[in-house]
Amino acid sequence: MSDLKVTQVRSAIGNKPVHRGTLRALGLGRIGKSNTLADGPVLQGMLRKVAHLVAVEPSEGDS
């Protein structure tokens, strides 16, 4: 499995509570904050839910 770097690029203000909760579960909360997560079906579903708020790119890991 590969890792993905997820960065919040838009504010969660004015979005549904479900979307705000998904951002928190991804480890985000502020514009510009990033987190590296292992790719999988659960992560892909979460990213689809908040695709309008985040940017996703492959992680540049040491592996």
Foldseek 3Di string as FASTA:
>chain_A
DFKKKKFFADACPPPDPVLCVLCVVQVHHDHGDIDIDDDDDVVVVSCVVNVVGIDMDTDPDPD
